[in-house]
């Protein structure tokens, strides 16, 4: 190949390269600003206390007598960052005689036996459910305000201790239904099912 042909081929290749670069630089381009989606992760956090039990009930608890009412007012507080549904378990109401209905300890609210505080329902699964969404920073009403020792109670030994245990559970309310209005109108059965969905 002659020197002249080599120079022509080289020149042609340079022109192709220049056209390619020039073509690339001719495209329209743009880029947006970065949009930062800042969020935090919330939490469900509750506490349970019994102010009337602490003030009065536990002082009256030693050596109870038939028909005695003991102040006991389980109340749940939402101290977390998200609204939640709440339920409470109460075990030991049969501690004075398991299987004997005459020795069953009853709950009471406003002097009405087996009545619950406003917004509370005893569901078929044995849990007491608060039927309202518990807002952040809010408290439930007490599940009940006292327990009543059965009148059929007979003499004890004055030493054996009996226990009534209360435990509260909470799950997030958000996401239980497609809309917040629907969440706020959920039935006890739906709330109980939501607890199951959330792993309780």
N, C-alpha and C. Protein backbone atom coordinates (compact mmCIF):
# COMPACT_ATOMS: atom_id res chain seq x y z
N UNK A 1 0.86 -1.15 0.00
CA UNK A 1 0.00 0.00 0.00
C UNK A 1 0.91 1.22 0.00
N UNK A 2 0.49 2.22 -0.79
CA UNK A 2 1.34 3.40 -0.91
C UNK A 2 1.14 4.30 0.29
N UNK A 3 2.09 5.19 0.46
CA UNK A 3 2.08 6.11 1.58
C UNK A 3 0.87 7.02 1.48
N UNK A 4 0.52 7.40 0.29
CA UNK A 4 -0.62 8.29 0.09
C UNK A 4 -1.92 7.62 0.47
N UNK A 5 -2.10 6.36 0.14
CA UNK A 5 -3.32 5.63 0.49
C UNK A 5 -3.43 5.47 2.00
N UNK A 6 -2.28 5.23 2.62
CA UNK A 6 -2.28 5.08 4.07
C UNK A 6 -2.72 6.39 4.72
N UNK A 7 -2.23 7.52 4.20
CA UNK A 7 -2.60 8.81 4.75
C UNK A 7 -4.09 9.09 4.52
N UNK A 8 -4.61 8.70 3.37
CA UNK A 8 -6.03 8.91 3.09
C UNK A 8 -6.90 8.06 4.03
N UNK A 9 -6.51 6.81 4.25
CA UNK A 9 -7.26 5.93 5.17
C UNK A 9 -7.21 6.50 6.57
N UNK A 10 -6.04 6.98 7.01
CA UNK A 10 -5.90 7.54 8.35
C UNK A 10 -6.75 8.79 8.48
N UNK A 11 -6.75 9.62 7.46
CA UNK A 11 -7.55 10.84 7.49
C UNK A 11 -9.03 10.51 7.55
N UNK A 12 -9.45 9.49 6.78
CA UNK A 12 -10.86 9.07 6.78
C UNK A 12 -11.27 8.57 8.17
N UNK A 13 -10.38 7.79 8.79
CA UNK A 13 -10.67 7.28 10.14
C UNK A 13 -10.79 8.43 11.14
N UNK A 14 -9.95 9.44 11.02
CA UNK A 14 -10.01 10.60 11.91
C UNK A 14 -11.32 11.35 11.72
N UNK A 15 -11.76 11.47 10.49
CA UNK A 15 -13.02 12.16 10.20
C UNK A 15 -14.20 11.40 10.81
N UNK A 16 -14.16 10.08 10.69
CA UNK A 16 -15.24 9.26 11.27
C UNK A 16 -15.27 9.44 12.79
N UNK A 17 -14.08 9.44 13.41
CA UNK A 17 -14.00 9.61 14.86
C UNK A 17 -14.52 10.99 15.27
N UNK A 18 -14.15 12.02 14.52
CA UNK A 18 -14.60 13.38 14.83
C UNK A 18 -16.12 13.48 14.68
N UNK A 19 -16.66 12.88 13.61
CA UNK A 19 -18.11 12.90 13.41
C UNK A 19 -18.83 12.16 14.54
N UNK A 20 -18.25 11.04 14.98
CA UNK A 20 -18.87 10.25 16.05
C UNK A 20 -18.89 11.06 17.35
N UNK A 21 -17.75 11.70 17.66
CA UNK A 21 -17.68 12.53 18.87
C UNK A 21 -18.63 13.71 18.75
N UNK A 22 -18.59 14.33 17.62
CA UNK A 22 -19.47 15.48 17.39
C UNK A 22 -20.92 15.09 17.50
N UNK A 23 -21.30 13.91 16.97
CA UNK A 23 -22.67 13.45 17.06
C UNK A 23 -23.08 13.20 18.49
N UNK A 24 -22.20 12.62 19.32
CA UNK A 24 -22.49 12.35 20.72
C UNK A 24 -22.71 13.64 21.47
N UNK A 25 -21.89 14.62 21.23
CA UNK A 25 -21.99 15.88 21.93
C UNK A 25 -23.21 16.67 21.51
N UNK A 26 -23.87 16.32 20.44
CA UNK A 26 -25.01 17.07 19.94
C UNK A 26 -26.32 16.66 20.60
N UNK A 27 -26.38 15.50 21.36
CA UNK A 27 -27.63 15.07 21.99
C UNK A 27 -28.01 16.00 23.13
N UNK A 28 -29.34 16.23 23.34
CA UNK A 28 -29.81 17.02 24.46
C UNK A 28 -29.74 16.17 25.73
N UNK A 29 -29.28 16.74 26.83
CA UNK A 29 -29.19 16.00 28.09
C UNK A 29 -29.69 16.87 29.23
N UNK A 30 -30.07 16.22 30.32
CA UNK A 30 -30.51 16.95 31.51
C UNK A 30 -30.49 15.98 32.70
N UNK A 31 -30.45 16.52 33.90
CA UNK A 31 -30.54 15.73 35.13
C UNK A 31 -31.24 16.58 36.18
N UNK A 32 -32.11 15.94 36.99
CA UNK A 32 -32.83 16.69 38.03
C UNK A 32 -31.98 16.77 39.29
N UNK A 33 -32.43 17.61 40.21
CA UNK A 33 -31.84 17.63 41.54
C UNK A 33 -32.22 16.34 42.27
N UNK A 34 -31.42 15.93 43.23
CA UNK A 34 -31.74 14.75 44.04
C UNK A 34 -32.85 15.11 45.01
N UNK A 35 -33.92 14.32 45.01
CA UNK A 35 -35.01 14.49 45.97
C UNK A 35 -34.80 13.51 47.11
N UNK A 36 -34.58 14.02 48.29
CA UNK A 36 -34.33 13.15 49.44
C UNK A 36 -35.64 12.88 50.15
N UNK A 37 -36.06 11.63 50.20
CA UNK A 37 -37.26 11.23 50.93
C UNK A 37 -36.84 10.82 52.33
N UNK A 38 -36.94 11.76 53.25
CA UNK A 38 -36.51 11.53 54.62
C UNK A 38 -37.67 10.96 55.42
N UNK A 39 -37.44 9.88 56.15
CA UNK A 39 -38.48 9.32 57.00
C UNK A 39 -37.83 8.69 58.22
N UNK A 40 -38.64 8.49 59.23
CA UNK A 40 -38.17 7.80 60.42
C UNK A 40 -39.05 6.57 60.64
N UNK A 41 -38.55 5.61 61.37
CA UNK A 41 -39.30 4.40 61.67
C UNK A 41 -39.97 4.59 63.04
N UNK A 42 -41.29 4.44 63.07
CA UNK A 42 -42.02 4.62 64.31
C UNK A 42 -41.91 3.39 65.20
N UNK A 43 -42.74 3.37 66.23
CA UNK A 43 -42.74 2.22 67.12
C UNK A 43 -44.06 2.15 67.88
N UNK A 44 -44.38 0.95 68.31
CA UNK A 44 -45.52 0.73 69.19
C UNK A 44 -44.94 0.42 70.57
N UNK A 45 -45.34 1.21 71.56
CA UNK A 45 -44.79 1.06 72.90
C UNK A 45 -45.89 1.42 73.90
N UNK A 46 -46.20 0.50 74.80
CA UNK A 46 -47.25 0.75 75.80
C UNK A 46 -46.73 0.47 77.20
N UNK A 47 -47.39 1.05 78.17
CA UNK A 47 -47.15 0.70 79.57
C UNK A 47 -48.49 0.36 80.20
N UNK A 48 -48.42 -0.38 81.28
CA UNK A 48 -49.62 -0.80 82.01
C UNK A 48 -49.42 -0.47 83.48
N UNK A 49 -50.40 0.16 84.07
CA UNK A 49 -50.33 0.36 85.51
C UNK A 49 -51.71 0.23 86.13
N UNK A 50 -51.73 0.19 87.46
CA UNK A 50 -52.97 0.05 88.23
C UNK A 50 -52.90 1.02 89.41
N UNK A 51 -53.17 2.30 89.18
CA UNK A 51 -53.00 3.30 90.23
C UNK A 51 -53.83 3.02 91.48
N UNK A 52 -55.09 2.59 91.32
CA UNK A 52 -55.93 2.32 92.48
C UNK A 52 -55.43 1.12 93.28
N UNK A 53 -54.89 0.12 92.58
CA UNK A 53 -54.31 -1.03 93.28
C UNK A 53 -53.12 -0.57 94.13
N UNK A 54 -52.26 0.26 93.54
CA UNK A 54 -51.09 0.74 94.27
C UNK A 54 -51.48 1.60 95.46
N UNK A 55 -52.51 2.41 95.31
CA UNK A 55 -52.92 3.32 96.37
C UNK A 55 -53.71 2.61 97.47
N UNK A 56 -54.55 1.63 97.07
CA UNK A 56 -55.47 1.07 98.04
C UNK A 56 -55.59 -0.45 97.98
N UNK A 57 -55.71 -1.00 96.78
CA UNK A 57 -56.00 -2.42 96.63
C UNK A 57 -55.02 -3.35 97.31
N UNK A 58 -53.73 -3.08 97.13
CA UNK A 58 -52.74 -4.01 97.70
C UNK A 58 -52.67 -3.90 99.21
N UNK A 59 -53.10 -2.78 99.77
CA UNK A 59 -53.16 -2.66 101.23
C UNK A 59 -54.30 -3.49 101.81
N UNK A 60 -55.39 -3.61 101.04
CA UNK A 60 -56.55 -4.38 101.49
C UNK A 60 -56.43 -5.86 101.15
N UNK A 61 -55.47 -6.22 100.30
CA UNK A 61 -55.37 -7.59 99.78
C UNK A 61 -55.02 -8.65 100.82
N UNK A 62 -54.17 -8.35 101.82
CA UNK A 62 -53.87 -9.41 102.79
C UNK A 62 -55.15 -9.82 103.55
N UNK A 63 -55.34 -11.13 103.63
CA UNK A 63 -56.45 -11.71 104.40
C UNK A 63 -57.81 -11.16 103.98
N UNK A 64 -58.13 -11.37 102.70
CA UNK A 64 -59.42 -10.93 102.17
C UNK A 64 -60.56 -11.71 102.83
N UNK A 65 -61.75 -11.18 102.72
CA UNK A 65 -62.94 -11.83 103.28
C UNK A 65 -64.01 -11.96 102.19
N UNK A 66 -64.98 -12.86 102.39
CA UNK A 66 -66.03 -13.06 101.39
C UNK A 66 -66.78 -11.76 101.09
N UNK A 67 -66.93 -11.49 99.78
CA UNK A 67 -67.66 -10.30 99.34
C UNK A 67 -66.84 -9.03 99.29
N UNK A 68 -65.57 -9.10 99.71
CA UNK A 68 -64.75 -7.89 99.71
C UNK A 68 -64.43 -7.45 98.28
N UNK A 69 -64.45 -6.15 98.08
CA UNK A 69 -64.04 -5.57 96.80
C UNK A 69 -62.67 -4.94 96.96
N UNK A 70 -61.76 -5.29 96.05
CA UNK A 70 -60.40 -4.74 96.06
C UNK A 70 -60.23 -3.81 94.86
N UNK A 71 -59.73 -2.62 95.10
CA UNK A 71 -59.49 -1.68 94.01
C UNK A 71 -58.43 -2.25 93.07
N UNK A 72 -58.75 -2.32 91.80
CA UNK A 72 -57.81 -2.84 90.78
C UNK A 72 -58.26 -2.26 89.45
N UNK A 73 -57.42 -1.46 88.84
CA UNK A 73 -57.84 -0.70 87.65
C UNK A 73 -56.79 -0.72 86.54
N UNK A 74 -56.64 -1.84 85.84
CA UNK A 74 -55.62 -1.91 84.78
C UNK A 74 -55.87 -0.84 83.70
N UNK A 75 -54.86 -0.03 83.46
CA UNK A 75 -54.96 1.06 82.49
C UNK A 75 -53.72 1.04 81.60
N UNK A 76 -53.93 1.17 80.30
CA UNK A 76 -52.84 1.10 79.32
C UNK A 76 -52.55 2.49 78.78
N UNK A 77 -51.27 2.80 78.63
CA UNK A 77 -50.83 4.11 78.14
C UNK A 77 -50.02 3.90 76.85
N UNK A 78 -50.31 4.69 75.83
CA UNK A 78 -49.54 4.64 74.58
C UNK A 78 -48.38 5.62 74.69
N UNK A 79 -47.18 5.09 74.92
CA UNK A 79 -45.99 5.93 75.04
C UNK A 79 -45.10 5.81 73.80
N UNK A 80 -45.63 5.19 72.75
CA UNK A 80 -44.87 5.02 71.52
C UNK A 80 -45.09 6.15 70.54
N UNK A 81 -44.71 5.91 69.30
CA UNK A 81 -44.79 6.94 68.26
C UNK A 81 -45.92 6.69 67.28
N UNK A 82 -46.67 5.59 67.44
CA UNK A 82 -47.75 5.26 66.51
C UNK A 82 -49.02 4.91 67.26
N UNK A 83 -50.19 5.22 66.66
CA UNK A 83 -51.45 4.78 67.25
C UNK A 83 -51.53 3.25 67.22
N UNK A 84 -52.25 2.68 68.17
CA UNK A 84 -52.27 1.22 68.26
C UNK A 84 -53.61 0.70 68.75
N UNK A 85 -53.78 -0.61 68.57
CA UNK A 85 -54.88 -1.33 69.19
C UNK A 85 -54.33 -2.04 70.42
N UNK A 86 -55.17 -2.18 71.44
CA UNK A 86 -54.73 -2.75 72.71
C UNK A 86 -55.67 -3.87 73.13
N UNK A 87 -55.09 -4.91 73.72
CA UNK A 87 -55.88 -5.93 74.39
C UNK A 87 -55.18 -6.31 75.68
N UNK A 88 -55.94 -6.87 76.61
CA UNK A 88 -55.42 -7.21 77.93
C UNK A 88 -55.85 -8.62 78.29
N UNK A 89 -54.93 -9.37 78.86
CA UNK A 89 -55.28 -10.69 79.41
C UNK A 89 -55.31 -10.59 80.93
N UNK A 90 -56.29 -11.24 81.51
CA UNK A 90 -56.42 -11.30 82.97
C UNK A 90 -56.52 -12.77 83.35
N UNK A 91 -55.53 -13.26 84.05
CA UNK A 91 -55.53 -14.66 84.47
C UNK A 91 -55.54 -14.73 85.99
N UNK A 92 -56.13 -15.80 86.50
CA UNK A 92 -56.16 -16.02 87.95
C UNK A 92 -57.47 -15.68 88.61
N UNK A 93 -58.48 -15.28 87.83
CA UNK A 93 -59.78 -14.99 88.44
C UNK A 93 -60.40 -16.25 89.04
N UNK A 94 -59.88 -17.41 88.66
CA UNK A 94 -60.37 -18.68 89.21
C UNK A 94 -59.38 -19.26 90.23
N UNK A 95 -58.46 -18.44 90.73
CA UNK A 95 -57.39 -18.95 91.60
C UNK A 95 -57.89 -19.49 92.94
N UNK A 96 -59.07 -19.09 93.37
CA UNK A 96 -59.59 -19.55 94.67
C UNK A 96 -60.28 -20.91 94.57
N UNK A 97 -60.50 -21.38 93.36
CA UNK A 97 -61.14 -22.67 93.17
C UNK A 97 -61.40 -22.93 91.71
N UNK A 98 -60.37 -23.41 91.01
CA UNK A 98 -60.47 -23.64 89.58
C UNK A 98 -61.59 -24.62 89.28
N UNK A 99 -62.44 -24.26 88.34
CA UNK A 99 -63.56 -25.13 87.97
C UNK A 99 -64.79 -24.95 88.84
N UNK A 100 -64.70 -24.15 89.87
CA UNK A 100 -65.83 -23.90 90.77
C UNK A 100 -66.33 -22.47 90.55
N UNK A 101 -67.44 -22.33 89.84
CA UNK A 101 -67.95 -20.99 89.52
C UNK A 101 -68.31 -20.20 90.77
N UNK A 102 -68.64 -20.89 91.86
CA UNK A 102 -68.98 -20.18 93.10
C UNK A 102 -67.77 -19.47 93.71
N UNK A 103 -66.57 -19.90 93.31
CA UNK A 103 -65.35 -19.28 93.84
C UNK A 103 -64.63 -18.42 92.80
N UNK A 104 -65.35 -18.05 91.77
CA UNK A 104 -64.78 -17.21 90.72
C UNK A 104 -64.75 -15.75 91.21
N UNK A 105 -63.60 -15.12 91.08
CA UNK A 105 -63.47 -13.69 91.40
C UNK A 105 -64.05 -12.91 90.23
N UNK A 106 -64.90 -11.95 90.50
CA UNK A 106 -65.54 -11.16 89.44
C UNK A 106 -64.90 -9.78 89.35
N UNK A 107 -64.92 -9.25 88.13
CA UNK A 107 -64.48 -7.87 87.92
C UNK A 107 -65.70 -6.97 88.11
N UNK A 108 -65.44 -5.69 88.37
CA UNK A 108 -66.54 -4.78 88.63
C UNK A 108 -66.16 -3.38 88.18
N UNK A 109 -67.11 -2.63 87.66
CA UNK A 109 -66.91 -1.23 87.29
C UNK A 109 -68.10 -0.43 87.79
N UNK A 110 -67.82 0.66 88.49
CA UNK A 110 -68.88 1.51 89.05
C UNK A 110 -69.90 0.71 89.85
N UNK A 111 -69.39 -0.24 90.63
CA UNK A 111 -70.20 -1.08 91.53
C UNK A 111 -71.10 -2.08 90.79
N UNK A 112 -70.90 -2.23 89.49
CA UNK A 112 -71.68 -3.20 88.72
C UNK A 112 -70.79 -4.40 88.43
N UNK A 113 -71.17 -5.56 88.96
CA UNK A 113 -70.38 -6.78 88.80
C UNK A 113 -70.38 -7.21 87.33
N UNK A 114 -69.22 -7.63 86.85
CA UNK A 114 -68.97 -8.07 85.47
C UNK A 114 -69.08 -6.95 84.44
N UNK A 115 -69.23 -5.70 84.89
CA UNK A 115 -69.23 -4.56 83.97
C UNK A 115 -67.79 -4.13 83.71
N UNK A 116 -67.54 -3.69 82.48
CA UNK A 116 -66.20 -3.25 82.09
C UNK A 116 -66.19 -1.75 81.88
N UNK A 117 -64.98 -1.19 81.87
CA UNK A 117 -64.82 0.23 81.61
C UNK A 117 -65.25 0.58 80.20
N UNK A 118 -65.50 1.87 80.00
CA UNK A 118 -65.96 2.34 78.69
C UNK A 118 -64.95 1.99 77.60
N UNK A 119 -65.46 1.40 76.53
CA UNK A 119 -64.61 1.04 75.39
C UNK A 119 -64.02 -0.35 75.46
N UNK A 120 -64.25 -1.08 76.53
CA UNK A 120 -63.68 -2.42 76.68
C UNK A 120 -64.73 -3.50 76.43
N UNK A 121 -64.30 -4.59 75.78
CA UNK A 121 -65.17 -5.72 75.48
C UNK A 121 -64.40 -7.01 75.74
N UNK A 122 -65.04 -7.95 76.42
CA UNK A 122 -64.45 -9.29 76.59
C UNK A 122 -64.82 -10.11 75.36
N UNK A 123 -63.81 -10.49 74.58
CA UNK A 123 -64.04 -11.22 73.32
C UNK A 123 -64.08 -12.73 73.59
N UNK A 124 -64.53 -13.47 72.62
CA UNK A 124 -64.66 -14.92 72.76
C UNK A 124 -63.31 -15.61 72.92
N UNK A 125 -62.21 -14.94 72.56
CA UNK A 125 -60.88 -15.55 72.73
C UNK A 125 -60.33 -15.37 74.14
N UNK A 126 -61.12 -14.73 75.03
CA UNK A 126 -60.70 -14.56 76.42
C UNK A 126 -59.94 -13.28 76.72
N UNK A 127 -59.64 -12.49 75.69
CA UNK A 127 -58.95 -11.21 75.89
C UNK A 127 -59.96 -10.08 76.04
N UNK A 128 -59.57 -9.07 76.80
CA UNK A 128 -60.33 -7.84 76.89
C UNK A 128 -59.76 -6.88 75.84
N UNK A 129 -60.60 -6.43 74.91
CA UNK A 129 -60.16 -5.56 73.83
C UNK A 129 -60.65 -4.14 74.05
N UNK A 130 -59.75 -3.20 73.82
CA UNK A 130 -60.14 -1.79 73.80
C UNK A 130 -60.62 -1.53 72.38
N UNK A 131 -61.85 -1.05 72.24
CA UNK A 131 -62.48 -0.98 70.92
C UNK A 131 -62.12 0.27 70.14
N UNK A 132 -61.33 1.15 70.74
CA UNK A 132 -60.93 2.38 70.05
C UNK A 132 -59.45 2.32 69.71
N UNK A 133 -59.06 3.05 68.70
CA UNK A 133 -57.63 3.22 68.42
C UNK A 133 -57.04 4.06 69.55
N UNK A 134 -55.96 3.58 70.14
CA UNK A 134 -55.31 4.32 71.22
C UNK A 134 -54.28 5.27 70.61
N UNK A 135 -54.58 6.55 70.65
CA UNK A 135 -53.72 7.57 70.04
C UNK A 135 -52.41 7.70 70.80
N UNK A 136 -51.42 8.25 70.12
CA UNK A 136 -50.12 8.50 70.75
C UNK A 136 -50.31 9.43 71.94
N UNK A 137 -49.76 9.04 73.08
CA UNK A 137 -49.86 9.86 74.28
C UNK A 137 -51.16 9.69 75.06
N UNK A 138 -52.07 8.86 74.55
CA UNK A 138 -53.38 8.69 75.20
C UNK A 138 -53.38 7.48 76.13
N UNK A 139 -54.38 7.43 77.00
CA UNK A 139 -54.58 6.33 77.93
C UNK A 139 -55.94 5.69 77.67
N UNK A 140 -56.03 4.40 77.92
CA UNK A 140 -57.34 3.75 77.89
C UNK A 140 -58.09 4.11 79.18
N UNK A 141 -59.36 3.85 79.17
CA UNK A 141 -60.07 3.84 80.44
C UNK A 141 -59.63 2.57 81.17
N UNK A 142 -59.81 2.47 82.48
CA UNK A 142 -59.48 1.21 83.16
C UNK A 142 -60.34 0.07 82.60
N UNK A 143 -59.76 -1.11 82.49
CA UNK A 143 -60.53 -2.27 82.01
C UNK A 143 -61.70 -2.50 82.96
N UNK A 144 -61.45 -2.39 84.25
CA UNK A 144 -62.46 -2.42 85.31
C UNK A 144 -61.86 -1.66 86.48
N UNK A 145 -62.62 -1.40 87.53
CA UNK A 145 -62.04 -0.62 88.63
C UNK A 145 -61.88 -1.40 89.93
N UNK A 146 -62.38 -2.64 89.97
CA UNK A 146 -62.19 -3.45 91.17
C UNK A 146 -62.47 -4.92 90.86
N UNK A 147 -62.05 -5.77 91.79
CA UNK A 147 -62.38 -7.19 91.73
C UNK A 147 -63.13 -7.54 93.02
N UNK A 148 -64.03 -8.51 92.91
CA UNK A 148 -64.87 -8.86 94.06
C UNK A 148 -64.61 -10.30 94.47
N UNK A 149 -64.25 -10.48 95.73
CA UNK A 149 -64.01 -11.81 96.27
C UNK A 149 -65.35 -12.53 96.42
N UNK A 150 -65.45 -13.79 95.99
CA UNK A 150 -66.75 -14.49 96.05
C UNK A 150 -67.25 -14.67 97.48
N UNK A 151 -68.57 -14.60 97.63
CA UNK A 151 -69.17 -14.76 98.96
C UNK A 151 -69.09 -16.20 99.44
N UNK A 152 -68.85 -17.14 98.53
CA UNK A 152 -68.77 -18.56 98.92
C UNK A 152 -67.39 -18.93 99.47
N UNK A 153 -66.49 -17.97 99.59
CA UNK A 153 -65.14 -18.24 100.09
C UNK A 153 -65.18 -18.76 101.52
N UNK A 154 -64.42 -19.81 101.76
CA UNK A 154 -64.34 -20.36 103.11
C UNK A 154 -63.00 -19.99 103.73
N UNK A 155 -62.82 -20.36 104.99
CA UNK A 155 -61.59 -20.01 105.71
C UNK A 155 -60.36 -20.52 104.98
N UNK A 156 -59.32 -19.69 104.96
CA UNK A 156 -58.03 -20.09 104.42
C UNK A 156 -57.02 -20.20 105.54
N UNK A 157 -55.75 -20.36 105.14
CA UNK A 157 -54.71 -20.50 106.17
C UNK A 157 -54.00 -19.19 106.48
N UNK A 158 -54.40 -18.12 105.77
CA UNK A 158 -53.78 -16.82 106.03
C UNK A 158 -52.38 -16.69 105.49
N UNK A 159 -51.88 -17.73 104.81
CA UNK A 159 -50.49 -17.69 104.32
C UNK A 159 -50.39 -17.93 102.81
N UNK A 160 -51.26 -18.78 102.26
CA UNK A 160 -51.19 -19.09 100.83
C UNK A 160 -51.48 -17.83 100.01
N UNK A 161 -50.62 -17.56 99.04
CA UNK A 161 -50.80 -16.38 98.19
C UNK A 161 -51.49 -16.76 96.90
N UNK A 162 -52.41 -15.91 96.48
CA UNK A 162 -53.12 -16.09 95.23
C UNK A 162 -52.77 -14.93 94.31
N UNK A 163 -52.77 -15.20 93.01
CA UNK A 163 -52.35 -14.18 92.04
C UNK A 163 -53.40 -13.96 90.97
N UNK A 164 -53.63 -12.71 90.67
CA UNK A 164 -54.39 -12.32 89.49
C UNK A 164 -53.41 -11.52 88.64
N UNK A 165 -53.11 -12.03 87.46
CA UNK A 165 -52.09 -11.42 86.61
C UNK A 165 -52.72 -10.72 85.41
N UNK A 166 -52.25 -9.53 85.14
CA UNK A 166 -52.75 -8.72 84.03
C UNK A 166 -51.58 -8.40 83.10
N UNK A 167 -51.78 -8.60 81.80
CA UNK A 167 -50.75 -8.26 80.82
C UNK A 167 -51.41 -7.59 79.63
N UNK A 168 -50.80 -6.53 79.14
CA UNK A 168 -51.34 -5.78 78.00
C UNK A 168 -50.50 -6.05 76.75
N UNK A 169 -51.17 -6.03 75.61
CA UNK A 169 -50.54 -6.24 74.32
C UNK A 169 -51.00 -5.13 73.37
N UNK A 170 -50.15 -4.76 72.43
CA UNK A 170 -50.52 -3.73 71.45
C UNK A 170 -49.97 -4.08 70.08
N UNK A 171 -50.71 -3.69 69.05
CA UNK A 171 -50.26 -3.80 67.67
C UNK A 171 -50.56 -2.47 66.97
N UNK A 172 -49.82 -2.19 65.95
CA UNK A 172 -50.04 -0.95 65.21
C UNK A 172 -51.45 -0.92 64.65
N UNK A 173 -52.04 0.26 64.62
CA UNK A 173 -53.37 0.41 64.03
C UNK A 173 -53.26 0.74 62.54
N UNK A 174 -52.23 1.47 62.18
CA UNK A 174 -52.06 1.87 60.78
C UNK A 174 -51.84 0.64 59.90
N UNK A 175 -52.56 0.60 58.80
CA UNK A 175 -52.41 -0.52 57.86
C UNK A 175 -53.39 -1.65 58.08
N UNK A 176 -54.19 -1.56 59.15
CA UNK A 176 -55.15 -2.63 59.41
C UNK A 176 -56.27 -2.65 58.38
N UNK A 177 -56.55 -1.50 57.80
CA UNK A 177 -57.56 -1.36 56.74
C UNK A 177 -57.02 -0.38 55.71
N UNK A 178 -57.58 -0.36 54.51
CA UNK A 178 -57.07 0.54 53.47
C UNK A 178 -57.16 2.02 53.83
N UNK A 179 -58.20 2.43 54.56
CA UNK A 179 -58.32 3.84 54.92
C UNK A 179 -58.34 4.00 56.43
N UNK A 180 -57.90 5.18 56.89
CA UNK A 180 -57.86 5.45 58.33
C UNK A 180 -59.26 5.47 58.92
N UNK A 181 -60.24 5.95 58.16
CA UNK A 181 -61.62 5.95 58.64
C UNK A 181 -62.10 4.53 58.90
N UNK A 182 -61.72 3.59 58.03
CA UNK A 182 -62.11 2.19 58.22
C UNK A 182 -61.41 1.60 59.45
N UNK A 183 -60.16 1.99 59.66
CA UNK A 183 -59.41 1.50 60.83
C UNK A 183 -60.13 1.92 62.11
N UNK A 184 -60.58 3.15 62.16
CA UNK A 184 -61.22 3.68 63.35
C UNK A 184 -62.60 3.07 63.61
N UNK A 185 -63.16 2.38 62.62
CA UNK A 185 -64.47 1.76 62.78
C UNK A 185 -64.42 0.24 62.81
N UNK A 186 -63.24 -0.32 63.08
CA UNK A 186 -63.13 -1.78 63.10
C UNK A 186 -63.89 -2.38 64.28
N UNK A 187 -64.47 -3.55 64.05
CA UNK A 187 -65.18 -4.26 65.11
C UNK A 187 -64.18 -5.01 65.99
N UNK A 188 -64.66 -5.49 67.12
CA UNK A 188 -63.79 -6.27 68.01
C UNK A 188 -63.28 -7.51 67.30
N UNK A 189 -64.13 -8.16 66.53
CA UNK A 189 -63.71 -9.35 65.79
C UNK A 189 -62.60 -9.01 64.80
N UNK A 190 -62.72 -7.87 64.13
CA UNK A 190 -61.68 -7.44 63.19
C UNK A 190 -60.39 -7.08 63.91
N UNK A 191 -60.52 -6.43 65.06
CA UNK A 191 -59.32 -6.08 65.83
C UNK A 191 -58.61 -7.34 66.28
N UNK A 192 -59.38 -8.33 66.77
CA UNK A 192 -58.79 -9.60 67.19
C UNK A 192 -58.07 -10.29 66.04
N UNK A 193 -58.68 -10.26 64.85
CA UNK A 193 -58.05 -10.86 63.67
C UNK A 193 -56.77 -10.11 63.29
N UNK A 194 -56.76 -8.80 63.47
CA UNK A 194 -55.58 -7.98 63.16
C UNK A 194 -54.42 -8.34 64.10
N UNK A 195 -54.73 -8.63 65.37
CA UNK A 195 -53.70 -9.08 66.30
C UNK A 195 -53.07 -10.37 65.76
N UNK A 196 -53.89 -11.27 65.25
CA UNK A 196 -53.36 -12.51 64.68
C UNK A 196 -52.50 -12.25 63.46
N UNK A 197 -52.93 -11.33 62.61
CA UNK A 197 -52.15 -10.96 61.42
C UNK A 197 -50.79 -10.40 61.82
N UNK A 198 -50.75 -9.66 62.91
CA UNK A 198 -49.50 -9.05 63.38
C UNK A 198 -48.63 -10.00 64.20
N UNK A 199 -49.07 -11.23 64.36
CA UNK A 199 -48.21 -12.22 65.02
C UNK A 199 -48.56 -12.51 66.47
N UNK A 200 -49.67 -11.98 66.96
CA UNK A 200 -50.09 -12.28 68.34
C UNK A 200 -51.21 -13.30 68.32
